[in-house]
C-alpha atoms as a PDB file:
ATOM      1  CA  MET A   1       0.000   0.000   0.000  1.00  0.00           C
ATOM      2  CA  THR A   2       1.330   3.421  -0.981  1.00  0.00           C
ATOM      3  CA  GLU A   3       2.454   5.626   1.933  1.00  0.00           C
ATOM      4  CA  LEU A   4       0.472   8.874   1.640  1.00  0.00           C
ATOM      5  CA  LEU A   5       2.977  11.577   2.545  1.00  0.00           C
ATOM      6  CA  TYR A   6       0.504  14.419   1.914  1.00  0.00           C
ATOM      7  CA  LEU A   7      -1.640  13.342   4.871  1.00  0.00           C
ATOM      8  CA  ASP A   8       1.097  14.159   7.399  1.00  0.00           C
ATOM      9  CA  ASP A   9       3.228  16.851   5.776  1.00  0.00           C
ATOM     10  CA  THR A  10       1.421  19.002   3.230  1.00  0.00           C
ATOM     11  CA  ASP A  11       4.571  21.087   2.663  1.00  0.00           C
ATOM     12  CA  THR A  12       6.517  18.230   1.030  1.00  0.00           C
ATOM     13  CA  ARG A  13       7.504  19.398  -2.451  1.00  0.00           C
ATOM     14  CA  GLU A  14      10.030  16.700  -3.364  1.00  0.00           C
ATOM     15  CA  PHE A  15      10.357  13.066  -2.301  1.00  0.00           C
ATOM     16  CA  GLU A  16      12.084   9.825  -3.259  1.00  0.00           C
ATOM     17  CA  ALA A  17      10.078   6.692  -4.060  1.00  0.00           C
ATOM     18  CA  ARG A  18      10.248   3.329  -5.818  1.00  0.00           C
ATOM     19  CA  VAL A  19       8.024   2.211  -8.676  1.00  0.00           C
ATOM     20  CA  GLU A  20       6.046  -0.790  -7.417  1.00  0.00           C
ATOM     21  CA  ARG A  21       3.714  -1.404 -10.379  1.00  0.00           C
ATOM     22  CA  VAL A  22       3.307  -0.273 -13.978  1.00  0.00           C
ATOM     23  CA  LEU A  23      -0.117  -0.323 -15.654  1.00  0.00           C
ATOM     24  CA  ASP A  24      -0.024   1.058 -19.203  1.00  0.00           C
ATOM     25  CA  ASP A  25       0.694   4.785 -18.710  1.00  0.00           C
ATOM     26  CA  ARG A  26       0.220   4.672 -14.935  1.00  0.00           C
ATOM     27  CA  VAL A  27       2.595   3.813 -12.104  1.00  0.00           C
ATOM     28  CA  VAL A  28       2.095   2.954  -8.443  1.00  0.00           C
ATOM     29  CA  LEU A  29       4.791   4.207  -6.069  1.00  0.00           C
ATOM     30  CA  ASP A  30       5.646   2.881  -2.613  1.00  0.00           C
ATOM     31  CA  ARG A  31       5.194   6.434  -1.274  1.00  0.00           C
ATOM     32  CA  THR A  32       3.841   9.669  -2.722  1.00  0.00           C
ATOM     33  CA  ALA A  33       3.248  13.338  -1.972  1.00  0.00           C
ATOM     34  CA  PHE A  34       1.054  13.750  -5.071  1.00  0.00           C
ATOM     35  CA  TYR A  35      -2.533  14.421  -4.004  1.00  0.00           C
ATOM     36  CA  PRO A  36      -5.162  12.407  -5.955  1.00  0.00           C
ATOM     37  CA  THR A  37      -8.405  14.033  -7.081  1.00  0.00           C
ATOM     38  CA  GLY A  38     -11.005  13.861  -4.317  1.00  0.00           C
ATOM     39  CA  GLY A  39     -13.134  15.828  -1.878  1.00  0.00           C
ATOM     40  CA  GLY A  40     -13.507  18.712  -4.324  1.00  0.00           C
ATOM     41  CA  GLN A  41      -9.719  19.135  -4.578  1.00  0.00           C
ATOM     42  CA  PRO A  42      -8.041  18.501  -7.964  1.00  0.00           C
ATOM     43  CA  ASN A  43      -5.009  16.258  -8.292  1.00  0.00           C
ATOM     44  CA  ASP A  44      -1.461  17.467  -8.110  1.00  0.00           C
ATOM     45  CA  THR A  45       0.778  17.542 -11.158  1.00  0.00           C
ATOM     46  CA  GLY A  46       4.553  17.624 -11.484  1.00  0.00           C
ATOM     47  CA  THR A  47       7.355  15.290 -12.551  1.00  0.00           C
ATOM     48  CA  LEU A  48       9.088  12.025 -11.731  1.00  0.00           C
ATOM     49  CA  VAL A  49      12.840  11.983 -12.348  1.00  0.00           C
ATOM     50  CA  ALA A  50      15.130   8.935 -12.396  1.00  0.00           C
ATOM     51  CA  ASP A  51      18.866   8.594 -12.952  1.00  0.00           C
ATOM     52  CA  ALA A  52      19.460   6.682 -16.171  1.00  0.00           C
ATOM     53  CA  ASN A  53      21.989   4.516 -14.284  1.00  0.00           C
ATOM     54  CA  ALA A  54      20.030   4.403 -11.047  1.00  0.00           C
ATOM     55  CA  ASP A  55      21.454   0.968 -10.182  1.00  0.00           C
ATOM     56  CA  GLY A  56      25.057   2.028 -10.773  1.00  0.00           C
ATOM     57  CA  ASP A  57      27.468   2.814 -13.606  1.00  0.00           C
ATOM     58  CA  SER A  58      26.130   0.105 -15.923  1.00  0.00           C
ATOM     59  CA  ASP A  59      28.170   1.183 -18.977  1.00  0.00           C
ATOM     60  CA  GLY A  60      31.426   1.491 -17.076  1.00  0.00           C
ATOM     61  CA  ASP A  61      32.247   5.038 -18.133  1.00  0.00           C
ATOM     62  CA  GLY A  62      31.922   6.490 -14.653  1.00  0.00           C
ATOM     63  CA  ASP A  63      28.998   8.730 -15.636  1.00  0.00           C
ATOM     64  CA  THR A  64      25.818   8.312 -13.564  1.00  0.00           C
ATOM     65  CA  SER A  65      24.519  11.858 -13.979  1.00  0.00           C
ATOM     66  CA  THR A  66      22.105  11.357 -16.895  1.00  0.00           C
ATOM     67  CA  SER A  67      18.458  11.445 -15.865  1.00  0.00           C
ATOM     68  CA  GLU A  68      15.054  10.831 -17.422  1.00  0.00           C
ATOM     69  CA  THR A  69      11.929  12.867 -16.601  1.00  0.00           C
ATOM     70  CA  TRP A  70       8.234  11.989 -16.828  1.00  0.00           C
ATOM     71  CA  THR A  71       5.417  14.517 -16.493  1.00  0.00           C
ATOM     72  CA  VAL A  72       2.697  13.535 -14.013  1.00  0.00           C
ATOM     73  CA  THR A  73      -0.538  14.523 -15.760  1.00  0.00           C
ATOM     74  CA  ASP A  74      -3.125  12.962 -13.440  1.00  0.00           C
ATOM     75  CA  VAL A  75      -3.320  11.312 -10.028  1.00  0.00           C
ATOM     76  CA  SER A  76      -6.251   9.157  -8.884  1.00  0.00           C
ATOM     77  CA  LYS A  77      -6.984   6.969  -5.869  1.00  0.00           C
ATOM     78  CA  LYS A  78      -8.933   3.716  -5.864  1.00  0.00           C
ATOM     79  CA  ASP A  79      -7.389   0.727  -4.096  1.00  0.00           C
ATOM     80  CA  THR A  80      -4.153   2.731  -4.115  1.00  0.00           C
ATOM     81  CA  VAL A  81      -2.766   5.878  -5.757  1.00  0.00           C
ATOM     82  CA  TYR A  82      -2.178   5.837  -9.517  1.00  0.00           C
ATOM     83  CA  HIS A  83       0.096   8.360 -11.244  1.00  0.00           C
ATOM     84  CA  THR A  84      -0.616   8.880 -14.955  1.00  0.00           C
ATOM     85  CA  LEU A  85       2.517   9.799 -16.900  1.00  0.00           C
ATOM     86  CA  ALA A  86       3.223  11.295 -20.297  1.00  0.00           C
ATOM     87  CA  GLY A  87       5.393   8.866 -22.275  1.00  0.00           C
ATOM     88  CA  GLU A  88       6.657   5.351 -21.615  1.00  0.00           C
ATOM     89  CA  PRO A  89       6.726   4.919 -17.821  1.00  0.00           C
ATOM     90  CA  PRO A  90       9.782   3.799 -15.820  1.00  0.00           C
ATOM     91  CA  ALA A  91      10.220   0.100 -15.113  1.00  0.00           C
ATOM     92  CA  GLU A  92       9.149  -1.568 -11.883  1.00  0.00           C
ATOM     93  CA  GLY A  93      11.809  -1.189  -9.223  1.00  0.00           C
ATOM     94  CA  THR A  94      13.072   2.162 -10.537  1.00  0.00           C
ATOM     95  CA  THR A  95      13.923   4.741  -7.902  1.00  0.00           C
ATOM     96  CA  VAL A  96      12.458   8.126  -8.784  1.00  0.00           C
ATOM     97  CA  THR A  97      12.323  11.607  -7.335  1.00  0.00           C
ATOM     98  CA  GLY A  98       8.869  13.150  -7.338  1.00  0.00           C
ATOM     99  CA  ARG A  99       8.605  16.918  -7.688  1.00  0.00           C
ATOM    100  CA  LEU A 100       5.276  18.700  -7.276  1.00  0.00           C
ATOM    101  CA  ASP A 101       4.066  21.706  -9.243  1.00  0.00           C
ATOM    102  CA  TRP A 102       4.146  23.710  -6.053  1.00  0.00           C
ATOM    103  CA  ASP A 103       2.264  26.778  -7.276  1.00  0.00           C
ATOM    104  CA  ARG A 104      -0.708  24.563  -8.185  1.00  0.00           C
ATOM    105  CA  ARG A 105      -0.594  22.585  -4.927  1.00  0.00           C
ATOM    106  CA  TYR A 106      -0.230  25.665  -2.723  1.00  0.00           C
ATOM    107  CA  ALA A 107      -3.181  27.338  -4.443  1.00  0.00           C
ATOM    108  CA  HIS A 108      -5.285  24.244  -3.757  1.00  0.00           C
ATOM    109  CA  MET A 109      -4.176  24.266  -0.108  1.00  0.00           C
ATOM    110  CA  LYS A 110      -5.279  27.875   0.293  1.00  0.00           C
ATOM    111  CA  TYR A 111      -8.623  27.375  -1.424  1.00  0.00           C
ATOM    112  CA  HIS A 112      -9.364  24.218   0.557  1.00  0.00           C
ATOM    113  CA  THR A 113      -8.653  26.026   3.828  1.00  0.00           C
ATOM    114  CA  ALA A 114     -10.848  28.947   2.736  1.00  0.00           C
ATOM    115  CA  GLN A 115     -13.642  26.506   1.912  1.00  0.00           C
ATOM    116  CA  HIS A 116     -13.487  25.121   5.452  1.00  0.00           C
ATOM    117  CA  LEU A 117     -13.842  28.635   6.849  1.00  0.00           C
ATOM    118  CA  LEU A 118     -16.784  29.335   4.545  1.00  0.00           C
ATOM    119  CA  SER A 119     -18.505  26.062   5.480  1.00  0.00           C
ATOM    120  CA  ALA A 120     -18.159  26.816   9.187  1.00  0.00           C
ATOM    121  CA  LEU A 121     -19.366  30.392   8.736  1.00  0.00           C
ATOM    122  CA  LEU A 122     -22.437  29.428   6.713  1.00  0.00           C
ATOM    123  CA  LEU A 123     -23.388  26.752   9.236  1.00  0.00           C
ATOM    124  CA  SER A 124     -22.981  28.956  12.312  1.00  0.00           C
ATOM    125  CA  GLU A 125     -24.460  32.180  10.917  1.00  0.00           C
ATOM    126  CA  TYR A 126     -27.016  30.935   8.357  1.00  0.00           C
ATOM    127  CA  ASP A 127     -27.689  27.355   9.475  1.00  0.00           C
ATOM    128  CA  ALA A 128     -26.661  26.362   5.927  1.00  0.00           C
ATOM    129  CA  GLU A 129     -24.984  22.957   5.759  1.00  0.00           C
ATOM    130  CA  THR A 130     -22.406  22.366   3.035  1.00  0.00           C
ATOM    131  CA  THR A 131     -23.571  19.829   0.446  1.00  0.00           C
ATOM    132  CA  GLY A 132     -20.655  19.996  -1.988  1.00  0.00           C
ATOM    133  CA  ASN A 133     -17.706  22.031  -3.159  1.00  0.00           C
ATOM    134  CA  GLN A 134     -15.166  22.341  -5.945  1.00  0.00           C
ATOM    135  CA  LEU A 135     -11.898  24.221  -5.913  1.00  0.00           C
ATOM    136  CA  TYR A 136      -9.395  25.158  -8.577  1.00  0.00           C
ATOM    137  CA  ALA A 137      -6.094  27.023  -8.610  1.00  0.00           C
ATOM    138  CA  ASP A 138      -7.782  30.391  -9.185  1.00  0.00           C
ATOM    139  CA  ARG A 139     -11.352  30.094  -7.847  1.00  0.00           C
ATOM    140  CA  ALA A 140     -13.765  27.888  -5.930  1.00  0.00           C
ATOM    141  CA  TYR A 141     -17.408  27.383  -5.150  1.00  0.00           C
ATOM    142  CA  LEU A 142     -19.415  25.837  -2.326  1.00  0.00           C
ATOM    143  CA  ASP A 143     -22.945  24.402  -2.452  1.00  0.00           C
ATOM    144  CA  CYS A 144     -25.089  24.589   0.668  1.00  0.00           C
ATOM    145  CA  ALA A 145     -28.622  23.924   1.855  1.00  0.00           C
ATOM    146  CA  TYR A 146     -30.142  27.411   1.820  1.00  0.00           C
ATOM    147  CA  GLU A 147     -33.075  29.004   0.013  1.00  0.00           C
ATOM    148  CA  ARG A 148     -31.402  32.112  -1.391  1.00  0.00           C
ATOM    149  CA  PHE A 149     -28.665  34.591  -0.469  1.00  0.00           C
ATOM    150  CA  ASP A 150     -29.167  38.238  -1.392  1.00  0.00           C
ATOM    151  CA  ASP A 151     -26.506  40.889  -2.037  1.00  0.00           C
ATOM    152  CA  ASP A 152     -26.426  41.946   1.617  1.00  0.00           C
ATOM    153  CA  ASP A 153     -25.852  38.338   2.652  1.00  0.00           C
ATOM    154  CA  LEU A 154     -22.941  37.999   0.235  1.00  0.00           C
ATOM    155  CA  ALA A 155     -21.368  41.222   1.494  1.00  0.00           C
ATOM    156  CA  ASP A 156     -21.744  40.002   5.077  1.00  0.00           C
ATOM    157  CA  ILE A 157     -20.232  36.615   4.240  1.00  0.00           C
ATOM    158  CA  GLU A 158     -17.242  38.243   2.528  1.00  0.00           C
ATOM    159  CA  SER A 159     -16.649  40.622   5.437  1.00  0.00           C
ATOM    160  CA  ARG A 160     -16.857  37.866   8.038  1.00  0.00           C
ATOM    161  CA  LEU A 161     -14.566  35.601   6.036  1.00  0.00           C
ATOM    162  CA  ASN A 162     -11.882  38.252   5.834  1.00  0.00           C
ATOM    163  CA  ASP A 163     -12.182  38.878   9.570  1.00  0.00           C
ATOM    164  CA  LEU A 164     -11.512  35.171  10.135  1.00  0.00           C
ATOM    165  CA  VAL A 165      -8.510  35.274   7.823  1.00  0.00           C
ATOM    166  CA  ALA A 166      -7.155  38.326   9.648  1.00  0.00           C
ATOM    167  CA  ASP A 167      -7.439  36.494  12.980  1.00  0.00           C
ATOM    168  CA  ALA A 168      -4.435  34.414  11.845  1.00  0.00           C
ATOM    169  CA  MET A 169      -5.883  31.189  13.221  1.00  0.00           C
ATOM    170  CA  PRO A 170      -3.686  28.076  13.230  1.00  0.00           C
ATOM    171  CA  VAL A 171      -4.686  25.081  11.122  1.00  0.00           C
ATOM    172  CA  ARG A 172      -3.801  21.528  12.230  1.00  0.00           C
ATOM    173  CA  TRP A 173      -4.718  17.945  11.400  1.00  0.00           C
ATOM    174  CA  TYR A 174      -4.619  14.626  13.242  1.00  0.00           C
ATOM    175  CA  VAL A 175      -6.147  11.136  13.148  1.00  0.00           C
ATOM    176  CA  MET A 176      -8.944   9.904  15.451  1.00  0.00           C
ATOM    177  CA  ASP A 177     -10.651   6.551  15.895  1.00  0.00           C
ATOM    178  CA  ARG A 178     -14.053   6.804  14.216  1.00  0.00           C
ATOM    179  CA  ASP A 179     -16.009   5.510  17.227  1.00  0.00           C
ATOM    180  CA  GLU A 180     -14.302   8.098  19.433  1.00  0.00           C
ATOM    181  CA  ALA A 181     -14.981  10.857  16.913  1.00  0.00           C
ATOM    182  CA  GLU A 182     -18.667   9.978  16.578  1.00  0.00           C
ATOM    183  CA  ALA A 183     -19.081   9.811  20.348  1.00  0.00           C
ATOM    184  CA  SER A 184     -17.330  13.072  21.199  1.00  0.00           C
ATOM    185  CA  LEU A 185     -17.677  15.480  18.254  1.00  0.00           C
ATOM    186  CA  ASP A 186     -20.563  17.521  16.857  1.00  0.00           C
ATOM    187  CA  PRO A 187     -21.866  15.506  13.865  1.00  0.00           C
ATOM    188  CA  GLU A 188     -23.181  18.590  12.027  1.00  0.00           C
ATOM    189  CA  ARG A 189     -19.841  20.347  12.105  1.00  0.00           C
ATOM    190  CA  THR A 190     -17.609  17.330  11.506  1.00  0.00           C
ATOM    191  CA  ARG A 191     -19.849  15.828   8.771  1.00  0.00           C
ATOM    192  CA  LEU A 192     -18.784  12.293   9.706  1.00  0.00           C
ATOM    193  CA  HIS A 193     -21.993  10.906   8.214  1.00  0.00           C
ATOM    194  CA  LEU A 194     -20.654  11.672   4.733  1.00  0.00           C
ATOM    195  CA  LEU A 195     -17.840   9.124   5.116  1.00  0.00           C
ATOM    196  CA  PRO A 196     -18.208   5.451   4.088  1.00  0.00           C
ATOM    197  CA  ASP A 197     -18.704   3.011   6.968  1.00  0.00           C
ATOM    198  CA  SER A 198     -15.503   1.230   5.912  1.00  0.00           C
ATOM    199  CA  ILE A 199     -13.397   4.169   7.134  1.00  0.00           C
ATOM    200  CA  THR A 200     -12.513   3.459  10.771  1.00  0.00           C
ATOM    201  CA  GLU A 201      -9.818   6.099  11.303  1.00  0.00           C
ATOM    202  CA  ILE A 202     -10.740   9.721  10.661  1.00  0.00           C
ATOM    203  CA  ARG A 203      -8.347  12.504   9.671  1.00  0.00           C
ATOM    204  CA  MET A 204      -9.613  15.640  11.389  1.00  0.00           C
ATOM    205  CA  VAL A 205      -8.751  19.192  10.351  1.00  0.00           C
ATOM    206  CA  GLU A 206      -9.157  21.997  12.905  1.00  0.00           C
ATOM    207  CA  ILE A 207      -8.965  25.759  12.480  1.00  0.00           C
ATOM    208  CA  GLY A 208      -8.580  28.007  15.523  1.00  0.00           C
ATOM    209  CA  PRO A 209      -7.482  27.552  19.142  1.00  0.00           C
ATOM    210  CA  GLU A 210      -7.101  23.961  20.332  1.00  0.00           C
ATOM    211  CA  ASP A 211      -9.472  24.488  23.256  1.00  0.00           C
ATOM    212  CA  ASP A 212     -12.183  26.086  21.111  1.00  0.00           C
ATOM    213  CA  PRO A 213     -11.641  25.591  17.352  1.00  0.00           C
ATOM    214  CA  TYR A 214     -13.735  27.633  14.959  1.00  0.00           C
ATOM    215  CA  ASP A 215     -14.025  24.619  12.655  1.00  0.00           C
ATOM    216  CA  ARG A 216     -13.402  20.901  13.127  1.00  0.00           C
ATOM    217  CA  THR A 217     -14.072  18.742  10.075  1.00  0.00           C
ATOM    218  CA  ALA A 218     -13.260  15.269   8.778  1.00  0.00           C
ATOM    219  CA  CYS A 219     -11.115  15.846   5.690  1.00  0.00           C
ATOM    220  CA  ALA A 220      -8.313  14.117   3.776  1.00  0.00           C
ATOM    221  CA  GLY A 221      -7.330  17.220   1.790  1.00  0.00           C
ATOM    222  CA  THR A 222      -4.325  19.514   2.070  1.00  0.00           C
ATOM    223  CA  HIS A 223      -4.375  22.847   3.886  1.00  0.00           C
ATOM    224  CA  VAL A 224      -2.149  25.753   4.859  1.00  0.00           C
ATOM    225  CA  GLU A 225      -0.953  26.081   8.454  1.00  0.00           C
ATOM    226  CA  ASN A 226      -2.490  29.474   9.242  1.00  0.00           C
ATOM    227  CA  THR A 227      -5.431  31.447   7.872  1.00  0.00           C
ATOM    228  CA  ASP A 228      -3.238  34.511   7.321  1.00  0.00           C
ATOM    229  CA  GLU A 229      -1.745  32.703   4.304  1.00  0.00           C
ATOM    230  CA  LEU A 230      -5.037  33.071   2.422  1.00  0.00           C
ATOM    231  CA  GLY A 231      -4.779  36.753   1.536  1.00  0.00           C
ATOM    232  CA  THR A 232      -8.126  38.431   0.798  1.00  0.00           C
ATOM    233  CA  VAL A 233     -11.333  36.509   0.103  1.00  0.00           C
ATOM    234  CA  GLU A 234     -13.622  37.944  -2.562  1.00  0.00           C
ATOM    235  CA  VAL A 235     -17.144  36.520  -2.903  1.00  0.00           C
ATOM    236  CA  THR A 236     -17.777  36.712  -6.647  1.00  0.00           C
ATOM    237  CA  GLY A 237     -21.408  35.608  -6.915  1.00  0.00           C
ATOM    238  CA  ARG A 238     -24.107  33.045  -6.245  1.00  0.00           C
ATOM    239  CA  GLU A 239     -26.399  30.670  -8.108  1.00  0.00           C
ATOM    240  CA  THR A 240     -29.597  28.905  -7.178  1.00  0.00           C
ATOM    241  CA  LYS A 241     -29.040  25.203  -7.829  1.00  0.00           C
ATOM    242  CA  GLY A 242     -32.618  24.075  -7.159  1.00  0.00           C
ATOM    243  CA  GLY A 243     -34.254  22.386  -4.197  1.00  0.00           C
ATOM    244  CA  GLU A 244     -33.275  25.170  -1.775  1.00  0.00           C
ATOM    245  CA  LYS A 245     -29.608  24.796  -2.630  1.00  0.00           C
ATOM    246  CA  GLU A 246     -27.326  27.777  -3.130  1.00  0.00           C
ATOM    247  CA  ARG A 247     -23.882  27.955  -4.741  1.00  0.00           C
ATOM    248  CA  VAL A 248     -21.491  30.596  -3.371  1.00  0.00           C
ATOM    249  CA  LYS A 249     -18.512  31.452  -5.595  1.00  0.00           C
ATOM    250  CA  PHE A 250     -15.293  32.987  -4.292  1.00  0.00           C
ATOM    251  CA  ARG A 251     -11.676  33.651  -5.090  1.00  0.00           C
ATOM    252  CA  LEU A 252      -8.516  34.644  -3.226  1.00  0.00           C
ATOM    253  CA  VAL A 253      -6.782  37.858  -4.263  1.00  0.00           C
END
């Protein structure tokens, strides 16, 4: 099973791994920092690099500096994490260095953290539970159970969000036993009911003081370590999605 480095250290930009399996244009690594598409967060992209003579100076000329590079175009997770590559993939057993497109990843981290703040704000101030979300590198939206927001609501949401960002609240994550989480945490805020029953250990993400977090949510995504990294939140619009469901659009500037 692939070790998921992004669950513990979201700041990892480069890592070493071994190719365990090759499936057409996809490879499975023994460890990865590449985030697979899921939870409204797009996959990471980047490169895998391997020394041409990774197992030694096979041609005897003393030169082991030549390397080969593959572009990681997609990352998905099913039974394990699959990395789709451009070109003929490296052979099983090859040692590679993975390098993330950090600008893309960091943008996703900021937008995912901002989405958590927005979800918590809408629930506490409007009793509007999040029903879905999608983020990109330059914008995001959140769907929630609410009849309709007007212009004053959107202005209020934007103002409150930026106040939360300015509070410079710490962001942290840890793993809890599911039974313990369900017994001790607020189900509306943590949204544990959205997770499959097969998941017995829950990765929790908290924003705010440890003794009284503003938000505590089950989430396997990547996030920044403090809200002050988000910059300024701009609410860019809304849409009615039917059935008393509203979509709030926002970007970070």
